[in-house]
Amino acid sequence: MPTHTDIELLNEVKIKHPKKYKVYLLNDDYTSMEFVIEILITIFYKNYEDAQNVMLDIHKKEKGLCGVYTHEIAETKIIQVHQKAKDNGFPLKAVMEQE
Protein backbone atom coordinates (compact mmCIF):
# COMPACT_ATOMS: atom_id res chain seq x y z
CA MET A 1 0.00 0.00 0.00
CA PRO A 2 1.41 3.43 -0.91
CA THR A 3 2.60 5.60 1.92
CA HIS A 4 1.66 9.23 2.36
CA THR A 5 5.08 10.22 0.94
CA ASP A 6 4.52 8.06 -2.17
CA ILE A 7 1.22 9.80 -2.87
CA GLU A 8 2.84 13.22 -2.43
CA LEU A 9 5.55 12.26 -4.93
CA LEU A 10 2.96 11.09 -7.45
CA ASN A 11 1.14 14.39 -7.13
CA GLU A 12 4.38 16.27 -7.85
CA VAL A 13 5.22 14.43 -11.07
CA LYS A 14 4.84 16.75 -14.03
CA ILE A 15 3.94 15.20 -17.34
CA LYS A 16 5.85 16.68 -20.25
CA HIS A 17 3.85 16.79 -23.44
CA PRO A 18 5.81 16.48 -26.67
CA LYS A 19 6.67 19.71 -28.43
CA LYS A 20 4.42 20.57 -31.35
CA TYR A 21 5.48 21.81 -34.76
CA LYS A 22 3.55 23.77 -37.36
CA VAL A 23 3.94 22.51 -40.92
CA TYR A 24 3.70 25.09 -43.70
CA LEU A 25 3.71 24.86 -47.47
CA LEU A 26 5.66 27.65 -49.16
CA ASN A 27 4.64 29.60 -52.23
CA ASP A 28 6.55 29.25 -55.49
CA ASP A 29 5.91 30.38 -59.06
CA TYR A 30 5.73 26.90 -60.61
CA THR A 31 3.59 24.53 -58.53
CA SER A 32 -0.01 24.49 -59.73
CA MET A 33 -2.82 25.39 -57.38
CA GLU A 34 -4.49 22.08 -58.22
CA PHE A 35 -1.39 20.14 -57.11
CA VAL A 36 -1.22 22.09 -53.83
CA ILE A 37 -4.87 21.22 -53.17
CA GLU A 38 -4.13 17.56 -53.96
CA ILE A 39 -1.23 17.59 -51.44
CA LEU A 40 -3.42 19.18 -48.78
CA ILE A 41 -6.14 16.57 -49.29
CA THR A 42 -3.93 13.46 -49.60
CA ILE A 43 -1.14 14.20 -47.10
CA PHE A 44 -2.78 16.57 -44.63
CA TYR A 45 -6.32 15.13 -44.89
CA LYS A 46 -8.02 18.46 -45.52
CA ASN A 47 -11.45 18.56 -47.10
CA TYR A 48 -11.67 20.38 -50.43
CA GLU A 49 -12.90 23.68 -48.97
CA ASP A 50 -10.19 23.80 -46.27
CA ALA A 51 -7.56 22.83 -48.85
CA GLN A 52 -8.68 25.73 -51.07
CA ASN A 53 -8.44 28.16 -48.15
CA VAL A 54 -4.91 27.03 -47.25
CA MET A 55 -3.90 27.17 -50.91
CA LEU A 56 -5.13 30.78 -51.08
CA ASP A 57 -3.13 31.61 -47.93
CA ILE A 58 -0.04 30.15 -49.60
CA HIS A 59 -0.69 32.22 -52.72
CA LYS A 60 -1.42 35.49 -50.87
CA LYS A 61 0.78 35.23 -47.76
CA GLU A 62 3.71 33.20 -49.18
CA LYS A 63 2.99 30.27 -46.83
CA GLY A 64 0.01 28.36 -45.49
CA LEU A 65 -0.46 26.35 -42.31
CA CYS A 66 -1.18 22.70 -43.04
CA GLY A 67 -1.32 21.38 -39.47
CA VAL A 68 0.36 21.04 -36.09
CA TYR A 69 2.09 17.76 -35.23
CA THR A 70 4.75 16.15 -33.08
CA HIS A 71 8.27 16.41 -34.51
CA GLU A 72 8.31 12.94 -36.05
CA ILE A 73 4.92 13.30 -37.74
CA ALA A 74 5.76 16.80 -39.03
CA GLU A 75 9.04 15.51 -40.42
CA THR A 76 7.31 12.59 -42.13
CA LYS A 77 4.71 14.85 -43.75
CA ILE A 78 7.43 17.16 -45.06
CA ILE A 79 9.26 14.19 -46.59
CA GLN A 80 6.00 13.02 -48.20
CA VAL A 81 5.36 16.49 -49.67
CA HIS A 82 8.86 16.77 -51.09
CA GLN A 83 8.76 13.26 -52.58
CA LYS A 84 5.34 13.72 -54.19
CA ALA A 85 6.35 17.15 -55.53
CA LYS A 86 9.58 15.73 -56.97
CA ASP A 87 7.70 12.80 -58.53
CA ASN A 88 5.37 15.28 -60.24
CA GLY A 89 8.05 17.76 -61.33
CA PHE A 90 7.15 20.56 -58.92
CA PRO A 91 9.50 22.51 -56.61
CA LEU A 92 6.94 22.68 -53.78
CA LYS A 93 8.57 22.97 -50.35
CA ALA A 94 7.28 22.37 -46.85
CA VAL A 95 8.84 23.56 -43.60
CA MET A 96 8.15 23.21 -39.90
CA GLU A 97 8.40 25.67 -37.05
CA GLN A 98 8.22 24.88 -33.37
CA GLU A 99 4.93 26.08 -31.86
PDB file of N, CA and C in Angstrom:
ATOM      1  N   MET A   1       0.853  -1.177   0.000  1.00  0.00           N
ATOM      2  CA  MET A   1       0.000   0.000   0.000  1.00  0.00           C
ATOM      3  C   MET A   1       0.900   1.242   0.000  1.00  0.00           C
ATOM      4  N   PRO A   2       0.564   2.240  -0.841  1.00  0.00           N
ATOM      5  CA  PRO A   2       1.411   3.433  -0.909  1.00  0.00           C
ATOM      6  C   PRO A   2       1.374   4.227   0.395  1.00  0.00           C
ATOM      7  N   THR A   3       2.516   4.754   0.728  1.00  0.00           N
ATOM      8  CA  THR A   3       2.599   5.599   1.917  1.00  0.00           C
ATOM      9  C   THR A   3       2.186   7.025   1.555  1.00  0.00           C
ATOM     10  N   HIS A   4       2.025   7.828   2.564  1.00  0.00           N
ATOM     11  CA  HIS A   4       1.658   9.234   2.363  1.00  0.00           C
ATOM     12  C   HIS A   4       2.706   9.939   1.494  1.00  0.00           C
ATOM     13  N   THR A   5       3.990   9.609   1.711  1.00  0.00           N
ATOM     14  CA  THR A   5       5.080  10.218   0.938  1.00  0.00           C
ATOM     15  C   THR A   5       5.000   9.809  -0.528  1.00  0.00           C
ATOM     16  N   ASP A   6       4.658   8.535  -0.800  1.00  0.00           N
ATOM     17  CA  ASP A   6       4.525   8.061  -2.174  1.00  0.00           C
ATOM     18  C   ASP A   6       3.431   8.839  -2.908  1.00  0.00           C
ATOM     19  N   ILE A   7       2.336   9.064  -2.260  1.00  0.00           N
ATOM     20  CA  ILE A   7       1.221   9.796  -2.867  1.00  0.00           C
ATOM     21  C   ILE A   7       1.632  11.238  -3.141  1.00  0.00           C
ATOM     22  N   GLU A   8       2.359  11.847  -2.213  1.00  0.00           N
ATOM     23  CA  GLU A   8       2.838  13.219  -2.427  1.00  0.00           C
ATOM     24  C   GLU A   8       3.763  13.284  -3.635  1.00  0.00           C
ATOM     25  N   LEU A   9       4.646  12.292  -3.788  1.00  0.00           N
ATOM     26  CA  LEU A   9       5.552  12.263  -4.935  1.00  0.00           C
ATOM     27  C   LEU A   9       4.780  12.109  -6.239  1.00  0.00           C
ATOM     28  N   LEU A  10       3.782  11.265  -6.248  1.00  0.00           N
ATOM     29  CA  LEU A  10       2.965  11.090  -7.449  1.00  0.00           C
ATOM     30  C   LEU A  10       2.259  12.378  -7.833  1.00  0.00           C
ATOM     31  N   ASN A  11       1.819  13.127  -6.855  1.00  0.00           N
ATOM     32  CA  ASN A  11       1.141  14.394  -7.129  1.00  0.00           C
ATOM     33  C   ASN A  11       2.096  15.446  -7.680  1.00  0.00           C
ATOM     34  N   GLU A  12       3.396  15.292  -7.409  1.00  0.00           N
ATOM     35  CA  GLU A  12       4.379  16.274  -7.847  1.00  0.00           C
ATOM     36  C   GLU A  12       4.945  15.972  -9.232  1.00  0.00           C
ATOM     37  N   VAL A  13       4.689  14.800  -9.754  1.00  0.00           N
ATOM     38  CA  VAL A  13       5.217  14.429 -11.065  1.00  0.00           C
ATOM     39  C   VAL A  13       4.537  15.283 -12.134  1.00  0.00           C
ATOM     40  N   LYS A  14       5.350  15.922 -12.932  1.00  0.00           N
ATOM     41  CA  LYS A  14       4.842  16.748 -14.027  1.00  0.00           C
ATOM     42  C   LYS A  14       4.969  15.954 -15.323  1.00  0.00           C
ATOM     43  N   ILE A  15       3.914  15.898 -16.060  1.00  0.00           N
ATOM     44  CA  ILE A  15       3.936  15.203 -17.342  1.00  0.00           C
ATOM     45  C   ILE A  15       4.366  16.202 -18.406  1.00  0.00           C
ATOM     46  N   LYS A  16       5.392  15.834 -19.156  1.00  0.00           N
ATOM     47  CA  LYS A  16       5.854  16.683 -20.250  1.00  0.00           C
ATOM     48  C   LYS A  16       5.191  16.214 -21.536  1.00  0.00           C
ATOM     49  N   HIS A  17       4.464  17.107 -22.146  1.00  0.00           N
ATOM     50  CA  HIS A  17       3.853  16.794 -23.439  1.00  0.00           C
ATOM     51  C   HIS A  17       4.886  17.043 -24.525  1.00  0.00           C
ATOM     52  N   PRO A  18       4.832  16.266 -25.595  1.00  0.00           N
ATOM     53  CA  PRO A  18       5.814  16.480 -26.671  1.00  0.00           C
ATOM     54  C   PRO A  18       5.628  17.854 -27.301  1.00  0.00           C
ATOM     55  N   LYS A  19       6.734  18.425 -27.745  1.00  0.00           N
ATOM     56  CA  LYS A  19       6.668  19.713 -28.426  1.00  0.00           C
ATOM     57  C   LYS A  19       5.893  19.540 -29.727  1.00  0.00           C
ATOM     58  N   LYS A  20       5.211  20.591 -30.117  1.00  0.00           N
ATOM     59  CA  LYS A  20       4.423  20.569 -31.354  1.00  0.00           C
ATOM     60  C   LYS A  20       5.085  21.464 -32.391  1.00  0.00           C
ATOM     61  N   TYR A  21       4.889  21.093 -33.648  1.00  0.00           N
ATOM     62  CA  TYR A  21       5.485  21.813 -34.762  1.00  0.00           C
ATOM     63  C   TYR A  21       4.429  22.120 -35.802  1.00  0.00           C
ATOM     64  N   LYS A  22       4.450  23.350 -36.290  1.00  0.00           N
ATOM     65  CA  LYS A  22       3.552  23.774 -37.356  1.00  0.00           C
ATOM     66  C   LYS A  22       4.209  23.439 -38.687  1.00  0.00           C
ATOM     67  N   VAL A  23       3.437  22.825 -39.590  1.00  0.00           N
ATOM     68  CA  VAL A  23       3.944  22.513 -40.921  1.00  0.00           C
ATOM     69  C   VAL A  23       3.299  23.481 -41.911  1.00  0.00           C
ATOM     70  N   TYR A  24       4.148  24.133 -42.700  1.00  0.00           N
ATOM     71  CA  TYR A  24       3.700  25.094 -43.698  1.00  0.00           C
ATOM     72  C   TYR A  24       4.122  24.648 -45.091  1.00  0.00           C
ATOM     73  N   LEU A  25       3.293  24.952 -46.080  1.00  0.00           N
ATOM     74  CA  LEU A  25       3.705  24.862 -47.475  1.00  0.00           C
ATOM     75  C   LEU A  25       4.093  26.266 -47.901  1.00  0.00           C
ATOM     76  N   LEU A  26       5.147  26.360 -48.714  1.00  0.00           N
ATOM     77  CA  LEU A  26       5.656  27.651 -49.158  1.00  0.00           C
ATOM     78  C   LEU A  26       5.254  27.925 -50.600  1.00  0.00           C
ATOM     79  N   ASN A  27       5.020  29.189 -50.882  1.00  0.00           N
ATOM     80  CA  ASN A  27       4.636  29.601 -52.227  1.00  0.00           C
ATOM     81  C   ASN A  27       5.833  29.517 -53.177  1.00  0.00           C
ATOM     82  N   ASP A  28       5.567  29.167 -54.415  1.00  0.00           N
ATOM     83  CA  ASP A  28       6.555  29.254 -55.487  1.00  0.00           C
ATOM     84  C   ASP A  28       5.801  29.615 -56.768  1.00  0.00           C
ATOM     85  N   ASP A  29       6.542  29.929 -57.816  1.00  0.00           N
ATOM     86  CA  ASP A  29       5.909  30.382 -59.059  1.00  0.00           C
ATOM     87  C   ASP A  29       5.614  29.251 -60.034  1.00  0.00           C
ATOM     88  N   TYR A  30       5.849  28.001 -59.649  1.00  0.00           N
ATOM     89  CA  TYR A  30       5.734  26.900 -60.605  1.00  0.00           C
ATOM     90  C   TYR A  30       4.701  25.836 -60.231  1.00  0.00           C
ATOM     91  N   THR A  31       4.510  25.582 -58.948  1.00  0.00           N
ATOM     92  CA  THR A  31       3.588  24.529 -58.526  1.00  0.00           C
ATOM     93  C   THR A  31       2.154  24.982 -58.765  1.00  0.00           C
ATOM     94  N   SER A  32       1.383  24.125 -59.411  1.00  0.00           N
ATOM     95  CA  SER A  32      -0.006  24.490 -59.726  1.00  0.00           C
ATOM     96  C   SER A  32      -0.868  24.491 -58.465  1.00  0.00           C
ATOM     97  N   MET A  33      -1.889  25.318 -58.497  1.00  0.00           N
ATOM     98  CA  MET A  33      -2.822  25.385 -57.376  1.00  0.00           C
ATOM     99  C   MET A  33      -3.530  24.051 -57.192  1.00  0.00           C
ATOM    100  N   GLU A  34      -3.821  23.379 -58.288  1.00  0.00           N
ATOM    101  CA  GLU A  34      -4.486  22.075 -58.217  1.00  0.00           C
ATOM    102  C   GLU A  34      -3.619  21.046 -57.497  1.00  0.00           C
ATOM    103  N   PHE A  35      -2.302  21.084 -57.773  1.00  0.00           N
ATOM    104  CA  PHE A  35      -1.394  20.140 -57.114  1.00  0.00           C
ATOM    105  C   PHE A  35      -1.300  20.436 -55.617  1.00  0.00           C
ATOM    106  N   VAL A  36      -1.264  21.709 -55.254  1.00  0.00           N
ATOM    107  CA  VAL A  36      -1.222  22.088 -53.831  1.00  0.00           C
ATOM    108  C   VAL A  36      -2.472  21.564 -53.129  1.00  0.00           C
ATOM    109  N   ILE A  37      -3.629  21.725 -53.750  1.00  0.00           N
ATOM    110  CA  ILE A  37      -4.874  21.215 -53.168  1.00  0.00           C
ATOM    111  C   ILE A  37      -4.808  19.700 -53.019  1.00  0.00           C
ATOM    112  N   GLU A  38      -4.277  19.021 -54.033  1.00  0.00           N
ATOM    113  CA  GLU A  38      -4.134  17.557 -53.957  1.00  0.00           C
ATOM    114  C   GLU A  38      -3.252  17.150 -52.774  1.00  0.00           C
ATOM    115  N   ILE A  39      -2.139  17.858 -52.576  1.00  0.00           N
ATOM    116  CA  ILE A  39      -1.232  17.585 -51.441  1.00  0.00           C
ATOM    117  C   ILE A  39      -1.969  17.781 -50.117  1.00  0.00           C
ATOM    118  N   LEU A  40      -2.710  18.875 -50.025  1.00  0.00           N
ATOM    119  CA  LEU A  40      -3.425  19.179 -48.781  1.00  0.00           C
ATOM    120  C   LEU A  40      -4.491  18.134 -48.468  1.00  0.00           C
ATOM    121  N   ILE A  41      -5.104  17.590 -49.487  1.00  0.00           N
ATOM    122  CA  ILE A  41      -6.137  16.566 -49.288  1.00  0.00           C
ATOM    123  C   ILE A  41      -5.505  15.207 -48.970  1.00  0.00           C
ATOM    124  N   THR A  42      -4.477  14.821 -49.733  1.00  0.00           N
ATOM    125  CA  THR A  42      -3.935  13.463 -49.596  1.00  0.00           C
ATOM    126  C   THR A  42      -2.940  13.299 -48.448  1.00  0.00           C
ATOM    127  N   ILE A  43      -2.159  14.326 -48.153  1.00  0.00           N
ATOM    128  CA  ILE A  43      -1.140  14.200 -47.101  1.00  0.00           C
ATOM    129  C   ILE A  43      -1.613  14.789 -45.778  1.00  0.00           C
ATOM    130  N   PHE A  44      -2.362  15.901 -45.851  1.00  0.00           N
ATOM    131  CA  PHE A  44      -2.781  16.568 -44.625  1.00  0.00           C
ATOM    132  C   PHE A  44      -4.256  16.332 -44.294  1.00  0.00           C
ATOM    133  N   TYR A  45      -4.931  15.550 -45.124  1.00  0.00           N
ATOM    134  CA  TYR A  45      -6.315  15.128 -44.886  1.00  0.00           C
ATOM    135  C   TYR A  45      -7.287  16.294 -44.708  1.00  0.00           C
ATOM    136  N   LYS A  46      -7.088  17.328 -45.516  1.00  0.00           N
ATOM    137  CA  LYS A  46      -8.018  18.463 -45.524  1.00  0.00           C
ATOM    138  C   LYS A  46      -9.188  18.132 -46.444  1.00  0.00           C
ATOM    139  N   ASN A  47     -10.369  18.672 -46.131  1.00  0.00           N
ATOM    140  CA  ASN A  47     -11.455  18.557 -47.099  1.00  0.00           C
ATOM    141  C   ASN A  47     -11.193  19.595 -48.191  1.00  0.00           C
ATOM    142  N   TYR A  48     -11.951  19.530 -49.274  1.00  0.00           N
ATOM    143  CA  TYR A  48     -11.672  20.381 -50.430  1.00  0.00           C
ATOM    144  C   TYR A  48     -11.738  21.866 -50.070  1.00  0.00           C
ATOM    145  N   GLU A  49     -12.736  22.274 -49.317  1.00  0.00           N
ATOM    146  CA  GLU A  49     -12.899  23.684 -48.970  1.00  0.00           C
ATOM    147  C   GLU A  49     -11.726  24.182 -48.113  1.00  0.00           C
ATOM    148  N   ASP A  50     -11.328  23.410 -47.110  1.00  0.00           N
ATOM    149  CA  ASP A  50     -10.192  23.802 -46.269  1.00  0.00           C
ATOM    150  C   ASP A  50      -8.898  23.837 -47.087  1.00  0.00           C
ATOM    151  N   ALA A  51      -8.746  22.871 -47.994  1.00  0.00           N
ATOM    152  CA  ALA A  51      -7.559  22.833 -48.851  1.00  0.00           C
ATOM    153  C   ALA A  51      -7.498  24.083 -49.729  1.00  0.00           C
ATOM    154  N   GLN A  52      -8.634  24.501 -50.260  1.00  0.00           N
ATOM    155  CA  GLN A  52      -8.679  25.726 -51.066  1.00  0.00           C
ATOM    156  C   GLN A  52      -8.277  26.942 -50.239  1.00  0.00           C
ATOM    157  N   ASN A  53      -8.767  27.025 -49.018  1.00  0.00           N
ATOM    158  CA  ASN A  53      -8.444  28.162 -48.153  1.00  0.00           C
ATOM    159  C   ASN A  53      -6.952  28.210 -47.818  1.00  0.00           C
ATOM    160  N   VAL A  54      -6.352  27.066 -47.537  1.00  0.00           N
ATOM    161  CA  VAL A  54      -4.914  27.028 -47.246  1.00  0.00           C
ATOM    162  C   VAL A  54      -4.132  27.390 -48.509  1.00  0.00           C
ATOM    163  N   MET A  55      -4.562  26.862 -49.648  1.00  0.00           N
ATOM    164  CA  MET A  55      -3.896  27.167 -50.911  1.00  0.00           C
ATOM    165  C   MET A  55      -3.923  28.673 -51.177  1.00  0.00           C
ATOM    166  N   LEU A  56      -5.040  29.325 -50.895  1.00  0.00           N
ATOM    167  CA  LEU A  56      -5.128  30.776 -51.084  1.00  0.00           C
ATOM    168  C   LEU A  56      -4.214  31.527 -50.115  1.00  0.00           C
ATOM    169  N   ASP A  57      -4.089  31.029 -48.881  1.00  0.00           N
ATOM    170  CA  ASP A  57      -3.134  31.615 -47.934  1.00  0.00           C
ATOM    171  C   ASP A  57      -1.708  31.513 -48.483  1.00  0.00           C
ATOM    172  N   ILE A  58      -1.372  30.355 -49.026  1.00  0.00           N
ATOM    173  CA  ILE A  58      -0.040  30.152 -49.599  1.00  0.00           C
ATOM    174  C   ILE A  58       0.184  31.164 -50.715  1.00  0.00           C
ATOM    175  N   HIS A  59      -0.794  31.316 -51.571  1.00  0.00           N
ATOM    176  CA  HIS A  59      -0.685  32.217 -52.717  1.00  0.00           C
ATOM    177  C   HIS A  59      -0.577  33.681 -52.281  1.00  0.00           C
ATOM    178  N   LYS A  60      -1.369  34.076 -51.289  1.00  0.00           N
ATOM    179  CA  LYS A  60      -1.421  35.488 -50.869  1.00  0.00           C
ATOM    180  C   LYS A  60      -0.386  35.852 -49.812  1.00  0.00           C
ATOM    181  N   LYS A  61      -0.083  34.923 -48.902  1.00  0.00           N
ATOM    182  CA  LYS A  61       0.785  35.230 -47.756  1.00  0.00           C
ATOM    183  C   LYS A  61       2.152  34.560 -47.827  1.00  0.00           C
ATOM    184  N   GLU A  62       2.429  33.891 -48.945  1.00  0.00           N
ATOM    185  CA  GLU A  62       3.705  33.204 -49.176  1.00  0.00           C
ATOM    186  C   GLU A  62       3.872  31.884 -48.426  1.00  0.00           C
ATOM    187  N   LYS A  63       2.965  31.580 -47.485  1.00  0.00           N
ATOM    188  CA  LYS A  63       2.985  30.273 -46.829  1.00  0.00           C
ATOM    189  C   LYS A  63       1.612  30.016 -46.230  1.00  0.00           C
ATOM    190  N   GLY A  64       1.293  28.733 -46.067  1.00  0.00           N
ATOM    191  CA  GLY A  64       0.010  28.359 -45.490  1.00  0.00           C
ATOM    192  C   GLY A  64       0.177  27.240 -44.487  1.00  0.00           C
ATOM    193  N   LEU A  65      -0.536  27.353 -43.376  1.00  0.00           N
ATOM    194  CA  LEU A  65      -0.456  26.355 -42.310  1.00  0.00           C
ATOM    195  C   LEU A  65      -1.248  25.109 -42.692  1.00  0.00           C
ATOM    196  N   CYS A  66      -0.558  23.979 -42.677  1.00  0.00           N
ATOM    197  CA  CYS A  66      -1.176  22.696 -43.038  1.00  0.00           C
ATOM    198  C   CYS A  66      -1.641  21.915 -41.816  1.00  0.00           C
ATOM    199  N   GLY A  67      -0.956  22.099 -40.687  1.00  0.00           N
ATOM    200  CA  GLY A  67      -1.324  21.378 -39.471  1.00  0.00           C
ATOM    201  C   GLY A  67      -0.249  21.515 -38.414  1.00  0.00           C
ATOM    202  N   VAL A  68      -0.559  21.003 -37.224  1.00  0.00           N
ATOM    203  CA  VAL A  68       0.361  21.036 -36.090  1.00  0.00           C
ATOM    204  C   VAL A  68       0.532  19.596 -35.613  1.00  0.00           C
ATOM    205  N   TYR A  69       1.788  19.168 -35.505  1.00  0.00           N
ATOM    206  CA  TYR A  69       2.094  17.763 -35.226  1.00  0.00           C
ATOM    207  C   TYR A  69       3.294  17.649 -34.291  1.00  0.00           C
ATOM    208  N   THR A  70       3.508  16.437 -33.788  1.00  0.00           N
ATOM    209  CA  THR A  70       4.750  16.151 -33.080  1.00  0.00           C
ATOM    210  C   THR A  70       5.885  16.191 -34.106  1.00  0.00           C
ATOM    211  N   HIS A  71       7.109  16.271 -33.627  1.00  0.00           N
ATOM    212  CA  HIS A  71       8.267  16.410 -34.513  1.00  0.00           C
ATOM    213  C   HIS A  71       8.326  15.302 -35.568  1.00  0.00           C
ATOM    214  N   GLU A  72       8.164  14.067 -35.138  1.00  0.00           N
ATOM    215  CA  GLU A  72       8.307  12.938 -36.051  1.00  0.00           C
ATOM    216  C   GLU A  72       7.228  12.948 -37.137  1.00  0.00           C
ATOM    217  N   ILE A  73       6.008  13.264 -36.758  1.00  0.00           N
ATOM    218  CA  ILE A  73       4.920  13.295 -37.740  1.00  0.00           C
ATOM    219  C   ILE A  73       5.116  14.467 -38.692  1.00  0.00           C
ATOM    220  N   ALA A  74       5.511  15.631 -38.175  1.00  0.00           N
ATOM    221  CA  ALA A  74       5.764  16.799 -39.026  1.00  0.00           C
ATOM    222  C   ALA A  74       6.865  16.486 -40.033  1.00  0.00           C
ATOM    223  N   GLU A  75       7.917  15.879 -39.553  1.00  0.00           N
ATOM    224  CA  GLU A  75       9.042  15.512 -40.417  1.00  0.00           C
ATOM    225  C   GLU A  75       8.597  14.547 -41.518  1.00  0.00           C
ATOM    226  N   THR A  76       7.802  13.563 -41.160  1.00  0.00           N
ATOM    227  CA  THR A  76       7.307  12.590 -42.129  1.00  0.00           C
ATOM    228  C   THR A  76       6.445  13.262 -43.193  1.00  0.00           C
ATOM    229  N   LYS A  77       5.575  14.157 -42.788  1.00  0.00           N
ATOM    230  CA  LYS A  77       4.705  14.849 -43.745  1.00  0.00           C
ATOM    231  C   LYS A  77       5.525  15.703 -44.711  1.00  0.00           C
ATOM    232  N   ILE A  78       6.565  16.356 -44.202  1.00  0.00           N
ATOM    233  CA  ILE A  78       7.433  17.159 -45.063  1.00  0.00           C
ATOM    234  C   ILE A  78       8.124  16.274 -46.093  1.00  0.00           C
ATOM    235  N   ILE A  79       8.623  15.137 -45.665  1.00  0.00           N
ATOM    236  CA  ILE A  79       9.264  14.193 -46.590  1.00  0.00           C
ATOM    237  C   ILE A  79       8.265  13.739 -47.652  1.00  0.00           C
ATOM    238  N   GLN A  80       7.029  13.439 -47.246  1.00  0.00           N
ATOM    239  CA  GLN A  80       6.004  13.016 -48.200  1.00  0.00           C
ATOM    240  C   GLN A  80       5.709  14.111 -49.220  1.00  0.00           C
ATOM    241  N   VAL A  81       5.608  15.359 -48.757  1.00  0.00           N
ATOM    242  CA  VAL A  81       5.358  16.486 -49.673  1.00  0.00           C
ATOM    243  C   VAL A  81       6.492  16.601 -50.676  1.00  0.00           C
ATOM    244  N   HIS A  82       7.725  16.599 -50.203  1.00  0.00           N
ATOM    245  CA  HIS A  82       8.864  16.767 -51.093  1.00  0.00           C
ATOM    246  C   HIS A  82       8.966  15.629 -52.105  1.00  0.00           C
ATOM    247  N   GLN A  83       8.678  14.401 -51.664  1.00  0.00           N
ATOM    248  CA  GLN A  83       8.762  13.263 -52.578  1.00  0.00           C
ATOM    249  C   GLN A  83       7.668  13.334 -53.645  1.00  0.00           C
ATOM    250  N   LYS A  84       6.441  13.644 -53.231  1.00  0.00           N
ATOM    251  CA  LYS A  84       5.336  13.724 -54.194  1.00  0.00           C
ATOM    252  C   LYS A  84       5.550  14.880 -55.165  1.00  0.00           C
ATOM    253  N   ALA A  85       6.064  16.008 -54.658  1.00  0.00           N
ATOM    254  CA  ALA A  85       6.352  17.150 -55.532  1.00  0.00           C
ATOM    255  C   ALA A  85       7.437  16.778 -56.547  1.00  0.00           C
ATOM    256  N   LYS A  86       8.489  16.140 -56.072  1.00  0.00           N
ATOM    257  CA  LYS A  86       9.576  15.726 -56.969  1.00  0.00           C
ATOM    258  C   LYS A  86       9.065  14.754 -58.029  1.00  0.00           C
ATOM    259  N   ASP A  87       8.259  13.788 -57.601  1.00  0.00           N
ATOM    260  CA  ASP A  87       7.704  12.799 -58.532  1.00  0.00           C
ATOM    261  C   ASP A  87       6.841  13.443 -59.613  1.00  0.00           C
ATOM    262  N   ASN A  88       6.261  14.597 -59.299  1.00  0.00           N
ATOM    263  CA  ASN A  88       5.369  15.278 -60.240  1.00  0.00           C
ATOM    264  C   ASN A  88       6.020  16.495 -60.899  1.00  0.00           C
ATOM    265  N   GLY A  89       7.307  16.688 -60.667  1.00  0.00           N
ATOM    266  CA  GLY A  89       8.047  17.755 -61.328  1.00  0.00           C
ATOM    267  C   GLY A  89       7.788  19.153 -60.792  1.00  0.00           C
ATOM    268  N   PHE A  90       7.399  19.250 -59.536  1.00  0.00           N
ATOM    269  CA  PHE A  90       7.146  20.555 -58.921  1.00  0.00           C
ATOM    270  C   PHE A  90       8.194  20.841 -57.843  1.00  0.00           C
ATOM    271  N   PRO A  91       8.525  22.141 -57.647  1.00  0.00           N
ATOM    272  CA  PRO A  91       9.502  22.506 -56.613  1.00  0.00           C
ATOM    273  C   PRO A  91       8.868  22.826 -55.254  1.00  0.00           C
ATOM    274  N   LEU A  92       7.660  22.366 -55.010  1.00  0.00           N
ATOM    275  CA  LEU A  92       6.943  22.680 -53.777  1.00  0.00           C
ATOM    276  C   LEU A  92       7.773  22.295 -52.551  1.00  0.00           C
ATOM    277  N   LYS A  93       7.826  23.206 -51.582  1.00  0.00           N
ATOM    278  CA  LYS A  93       8.572  22.966 -50.351  1.00  0.00           C
ATOM    279  C   LYS A  93       7.661  23.106 -49.143  1.00  0.00           C
ATOM    280  N   ALA A  94       7.961  22.311 -48.131  1.00  0.00           N
ATOM    281  CA  ALA A  94       7.278  22.372 -46.846  1.00  0.00           C
ATOM    282  C   ALA A  94       8.331  22.592 -45.767  1.00  0.00           C
ATOM    283  N   VAL A  95       7.941  23.311 -44.726  1.00  0.00           N
ATOM    284  CA  VAL A  95       8.842  23.564 -43.602  1.00  0.00           C
ATOM    285  C   VAL A  95       8.063  23.393 -42.308  1.00  0.00           C
ATOM    286  N   MET A  96       8.820  23.264 -41.199  1.00  0.00           N
ATOM    287  CA  MET A  96       8.154  23.210 -39.900  1.00  0.00           C
ATOM    288  C   MET A  96       8.793  24.210 -38.971  1.00  0.00           C
ATOM    289  N   GLU A  97       7.949  24.729 -38.068  1.00  0.00           N
ATOM    290  CA  GLU A  97       8.404  25.674 -37.053  1.00  0.00           C
ATOM    291  C   GLU A  97       7.851  25.211 -35.722  1.00  0.00           C
ATOM    292  N   GLN A  98       8.691  25.277 -34.697  1.00  0.00           N
ATOM    293  CA  GLN A  98       8.216  24.885 -33.375  1.00  0.00           C
ATOM    294  C   GLN A  98       7.122  25.839 -32.911  1.00  0.00           C
ATOM    295  N   GLU A  99       6.079  25.278 -32.332  1.00  0.00           N
ATOM    296  CA  GLU A  99       4.934  26.077 -31.865  1.00  0.00           C
ATOM    297  C   GLU A  99       5.303  26.876 -30.646  1.00  0.00           C
TER     298      GLU A  99
END
